[in-house]
Each structure stands twice: as C-alpha cells, then as structure tokens.
Amino acid sequence: MDLKYLLREPENITSSTPLLVLIHGYGSNEEDLFSFVPTLPKDWLVVSFRAPKDTPYGGYAWYDIDLTNPEKYVDVEQAEAAISGIMEAIMKISNQYGLVDNPTHLCGFSQGGILSYAMALRFPQLFNKIACLSSYPEEKLLTNIVKDKKKLEQLRFFVSHGTDDAVIPIDWGRKAAELLYDLSCYFSFREYMSGHGVNQKNYMDLMTFFES
C-alpha cells in the first residue's frame, strides 16, 4: 500500500525530531487534519496520510462501512490492511529522515481514531501521544493488543467526543475511558457540546495536549 500524504518539515530535523501522524476520517482526505499545522509545535515533522479507498462524493476511506448494520461497521480485513499500510508508511518516513530516538504521535479523527487506538495498543513501544477524536475503540481490532502495563506506561491519550454526535454515539466513545482505565493507561477523556466534529474548545484543548 503506497499512501499519498502531505508533509510539513520543521526548519531543523535531528534523529530525535518528534513525528506527528494525522489520520483522517471516512469520506475526508489528507488536507482535513493538515489544517491543524499552523498551531502545532514548529519543531515537529507532521505527516497527513490519504486513505487508499475512494468514497462517493470524492473523499477517501480506510475501510468500507455498512451504516445499516452495526455488525459491519468495520470491514476487519480492510482495516487490518490499512493498519499495516500506515505502519509501513510511518517506518518509511522515519527511516527517510533518520528518526531513531524520537517520539511518534498519532492523531486520528473518527475512522482514523479507530485505527489509532488499534495501532497504539498493539505497538505501544513505537508511540507516545495519541489523540482520538470523535471515534471509539473497535473490539474487532483490539484482539491482539498489549496488556502489559509496563509496556503501556509511555502512552498518553487525549480522547474527545461530541455529546450530540449523530455518526458515532457518545456511548461508543465512552467505551474508550473504560478500556484505557482497565489497561492503566494515562488518558484524559473530554466531552464537548458538539456533533461529529471538533469545536473551538476541543481544538484548543487538543493543542494544549500536544504542547504539554
């Protein structure tokens, strides 16, 4: 899987330059979360991937969704392929820039957040800050996660959800708090008066999380 992406390079890149990976949601594209760039730390390398599958009306998806059937809300085979593709692309970019002792952060919205949970909890040694926006932890993608608390202790999660989300119910989003609590992960879970999106307060809190 050869993923297209947008990239923002900092002025100076060293082996310890932080890398932030942005993963958009269903029907969107790589420009969506890349709009965060102006307020992100200037010394970070930022990459925003485009999902491989076309959707109606010109967007992209990491995997197909059948909204009429909750059992098929995730196409597991396609989601697994997406996870492999993103991990491969992260490794390729890290190697290209010689990032060997740097923190790697994830920020995923909706479908991108679902994939972010899976990647961070499967490969906790590779990641540090994880922002999951308007998403939920999909059980079908969490069957082989790490449960060793010692290996999970470097992860920092920022989880946000709109109370009026009509796409992914707030109850689904709240499952993240239960999961991360059970795993003894460090996390903050925040609810905002919004729908399926990121309002101004949510955005400001997210930027504070990345800067801290």
Protein backbone atom coordinates (compact mmCIF):
# COMPACT_ATOMS: atom_id res chain seq x y z
CA MET A 1 0.00 0.00 0.00
CA ASP A 2 1.66 3.21 -1.20
CA LEU A 3 -0.08 6.01 0.68
CA LYS A 4 -0.17 9.58 -0.59
CA TYR A 5 0.47 12.22 2.06
CA LEU A 6 1.12 15.88 2.91
CA LEU A 7 4.23 16.76 4.89
CA ARG A 8 5.32 19.76 7.00
CA GLU A 9 9.04 19.79 7.75
CA PRO A 10 10.48 21.79 10.65
CA GLU A 11 13.48 24.04 10.00
CA ASN A 12 15.86 21.59 11.63
CA ILE A 13 15.49 17.82 11.68
CA THR A 14 17.53 15.61 14.00
CA SER A 15 17.31 11.96 15.00
CA SER A 16 15.03 12.99 17.88
CA THR A 17 12.62 15.27 15.98
CA PRO A 18 9.03 14.44 17.05
CA LEU A 19 6.84 12.97 14.30
CA LEU A 20 3.07 13.55 14.29
CA VAL A 21 0.93 11.29 12.09
CA LEU A 22 -2.53 12.58 11.13
CA ILE A 23 -5.20 10.05 10.09
CA HIS A 24 -8.43 11.45 8.65
CA GLY A 25 -11.93 10.02 8.85
CA TYR A 26 -14.28 8.33 6.38
CA GLY A 27 -15.08 10.43 3.30
CA SER A 28 -12.40 13.02 4.03
CA ASN A 29 -8.83 13.45 2.79
CA GLU A 30 -5.29 14.30 3.85
CA GLU A 31 -5.96 18.07 3.83
CA ASP A 32 -8.55 17.87 6.62
CA LEU A 33 -6.40 17.37 9.74
CA PHE A 34 -3.42 19.01 7.99
CA SER A 35 -5.26 22.28 8.69
CA PHE A 36 -4.02 21.84 12.31
CA VAL A 37 -0.44 22.52 11.19
CA PRO A 38 -0.27 26.30 11.89
CA THR A 39 -0.90 25.79 15.62
CA LEU A 40 1.16 22.62 16.09
CA PRO A 41 4.68 22.78 17.60
CA LYS A 42 7.02 24.27 14.99
CA ASP A 43 9.80 21.75 15.63
CA TRP A 44 7.64 18.71 14.76
CA LEU A 45 7.65 16.80 11.49
CA VAL A 46 3.96 16.43 10.55
CA VAL A 47 2.58 13.94 8.04
CA SER A 48 -1.05 13.55 6.99
CA PHE A 49 -1.91 10.38 5.08
CA ARG A 50 -4.65 9.93 2.50
CA ALA A 51 -6.70 6.74 2.87
CA PRO A 52 -6.49 4.35 -0.11
CA LYS A 53 -10.17 3.72 -0.87
CA ASP A 54 -12.39 6.09 -2.87
CA THR A 55 -15.76 7.06 -1.40
CA PRO A 56 -18.76 8.69 -3.04
CA TYR A 57 -18.55 12.50 -3.43
CA GLY A 58 -14.79 12.48 -3.83
CA GLY A 59 -13.44 11.57 -0.40
CA TYR A 60 -11.42 8.61 0.84
CA ALA A 61 -11.80 5.82 3.39
CA TRP A 62 -9.53 3.42 5.25
CA TYR A 63 -12.17 0.71 5.04
CA ASP A 64 -15.80 0.29 3.96
CA ILE A 65 -18.60 0.94 6.43
CA ASP A 66 -22.11 -0.51 6.32
CA LEU A 67 -24.09 2.01 8.37
CA THR A 68 -27.24 -0.13 8.13
CA ASN A 69 -25.61 -2.99 10.02
CA PRO A 70 -23.67 -2.35 13.28
CA GLU A 71 -22.04 -5.78 12.85
CA LYS A 72 -20.43 -4.49 9.66
CA TYR A 73 -19.47 -1.06 10.93
CA VAL A 74 -15.90 -2.13 10.30
CA ASP A 75 -14.56 -4.27 7.47
CA VAL A 76 -11.90 -6.06 9.50
CA GLU A 77 -9.84 -7.27 6.55
CA GLN A 78 -9.65 -3.80 5.02
CA ALA A 79 -8.97 -2.19 8.41
CA GLU A 80 -6.10 -4.61 9.03
CA ALA A 81 -4.66 -3.75 5.61
CA ALA A 82 -4.95 -0.05 6.48
CA ILE A 83 -3.13 -0.55 9.79
CA SER A 84 -0.31 -2.41 8.03
CA GLY A 85 -0.14 0.29 5.34
CA ILE A 86 0.04 3.15 7.84
CA MET A 87 2.65 1.40 9.99
CA GLU A 88 4.75 0.71 6.88
CA ALA A 89 4.49 4.35 5.79
CA ILE A 90 5.47 5.61 9.27
CA MET A 91 8.55 3.37 9.22
CA LYS A 92 9.46 4.55 5.72
CA ILE A 93 9.25 8.24 6.68
CA SER A 94 11.12 7.66 9.96
CA ASN A 95 13.92 5.93 8.06
CA GLN A 96 13.96 8.60 5.36
CA TYR A 97 14.54 11.35 7.95
CA GLY A 98 16.80 9.29 10.22
CA LEU A 99 14.39 9.41 13.17
CA VAL A 100 15.79 6.82 15.54
CA ASP A 101 15.24 8.18 19.05
CA ASN A 102 12.23 10.42 18.56
CA PRO A 103 8.68 10.34 19.92
CA THR A 104 5.99 9.45 17.36
CA HIS A 105 2.50 10.81 17.97
CA LEU A 106 -0.86 9.88 16.42
CA CYS A 107 -3.95 12.00 15.84
CA GLY A 108 -6.97 10.31 14.30
CA PHE A 109 -10.49 11.55 13.65
CA SER A 110 -13.44 9.12 13.52
CA GLN A 111 -12.27 6.18 11.37
CA GLY A 112 -8.71 7.45 11.80
CA GLY A 113 -9.16 7.43 15.58
CA ILE A 114 -10.39 3.84 15.49
CA LEU A 115 -7.18 2.85 13.69
CA SER A 116 -5.11 4.95 16.12
CA TYR A 117 -6.43 3.01 19.13
CA ALA A 118 -5.52 -0.27 17.45
CA MET A 119 -2.01 0.81 16.42
CA ALA A 120 -1.10 2.42 19.75
CA LEU A 121 -2.29 -0.54 21.82
CA ARG A 122 -0.66 -3.12 19.53
CA PHE A 123 2.68 -1.29 19.24
CA PRO A 124 2.90 0.87 22.39
CA GLN A 125 6.69 0.98 22.27
CA LEU A 126 6.50 2.94 19.00
CA PHE A 127 4.16 5.74 20.10
CA ASN A 128 3.81 8.43 22.72
CA LYS A 129 0.88 10.89 22.44
CA ILE A 130 -2.35 9.57 20.94
CA ALA A 131 -5.33 11.82 20.16
CA CYS A 132 -8.56 10.02 19.26
CA LEU A 133 -11.25 12.46 18.18
CA SER A 134 -14.92 11.53 17.67
CA SER A 135 -14.10 7.82 17.48
CA TYR A 136 -14.28 4.65 19.56
CA PRO A 137 -12.14 1.56 20.28
CA GLU A 138 -13.37 -1.17 17.89
CA GLU A 139 -13.27 -4.53 19.68
CA LYS A 140 -12.70 -6.43 16.43
CA LEU A 141 -9.39 -4.61 16.01
CA LEU A 142 -8.28 -4.98 19.64
CA THR A 143 -7.96 -8.77 19.85
CA ASN A 144 -4.15 -8.74 19.90
CA ILE A 145 -3.36 -5.63 21.94
CA VAL A 146 -0.59 -5.40 24.54
CA LYS A 147 -1.85 -5.67 28.12
CA ASP A 148 1.48 -5.42 29.94
CA LYS A 149 1.13 -2.21 31.98
CA LYS A 150 4.88 -1.62 31.92
CA LYS A 151 4.84 -1.51 28.10
CA LEU A 152 1.83 0.81 28.02
CA GLU A 153 3.10 3.37 30.50
CA GLN A 154 4.67 5.75 27.97
CA LEU A 155 1.38 6.23 26.09
CA ARG A 156 -0.60 9.44 26.68
CA PHE A 157 -4.16 9.50 25.32
CA PHE A 158 -6.36 12.52 24.60
CA VAL A 159 -9.90 11.36 23.85
CA SER A 160 -12.65 13.78 22.81
CA HIS A 161 -16.26 13.33 21.70
CA GLY A 162 -19.25 15.50 20.90
CA THR A 163 -22.29 14.95 23.12
CA ASP A 164 -24.55 15.33 20.05
CA ASP A 165 -22.53 13.09 17.71
CA ALA A 166 -25.03 11.51 15.30
CA VAL A 167 -22.40 9.40 13.49
CA ILE A 168 -20.58 7.68 16.37
CA PRO A 169 -22.75 7.73 19.52
CA ILE A 170 -21.21 9.24 22.65
CA ASP A 171 -21.80 5.91 24.43
CA TRP A 172 -19.43 4.25 21.98
CA GLY A 173 -16.84 6.95 22.61
CA ARG A 174 -17.12 6.47 26.37
CA LYS A 175 -16.00 2.85 25.95
CA ALA A 176 -12.53 4.27 25.47
CA ALA A 177 -12.44 5.53 29.05
CA GLU A 178 -13.37 2.07 30.36
CA LEU A 179 -10.79 0.34 28.15
CA LEU A 180 -7.92 2.72 28.92
CA TYR A 181 -8.75 2.69 32.63
CA ASP A 182 -8.69 -1.14 32.67
CA LEU A 183 -5.30 -1.08 30.92
CA SER A 184 -3.99 1.51 33.43
CA CYS A 185 -3.16 3.87 30.56
CA TYR A 186 -2.71 7.58 31.14
CA PHE A 187 -5.60 9.39 29.44
CA SER A 188 -7.92 12.36 29.55
CA PHE A 189 -11.48 11.88 28.27
CA ARG A 190 -13.41 15.02 27.34
CA GLU A 191 -16.92 15.65 26.09
CA TYR A 192 -17.93 18.78 24.19
CA MET A 193 -21.23 20.34 23.18
CA SER A 194 -20.82 19.47 19.51
CA GLY A 195 -21.73 16.94 16.84
CA HIS A 196 -19.34 14.77 14.81
CA GLY A 197 -16.53 17.28 14.68
CA VAL A 198 -14.01 19.33 16.63
CA ASN A 199 -15.27 22.62 18.08
CA GLN A 200 -13.03 25.50 19.16
CA LYS A 201 -12.71 24.45 22.81
CA ASN A 202 -11.90 20.88 21.76
CA TYR A 203 -9.29 22.19 19.34
CA MET A 204 -7.64 24.39 21.98
CA ASP A 205 -7.54 21.51 24.46
CA LEU A 206 -6.01 19.27 21.78
CA MET A 207 -3.25 21.81 21.07
CA THR A 208 -2.55 22.13 24.82
CA PHE A 209 -2.21 18.34 24.96
CA PHE A 210 0.33 18.32 22.14
CA GLU A 211 2.32 21.18 23.65
CA SER A 212 2.49 19.71 27.16
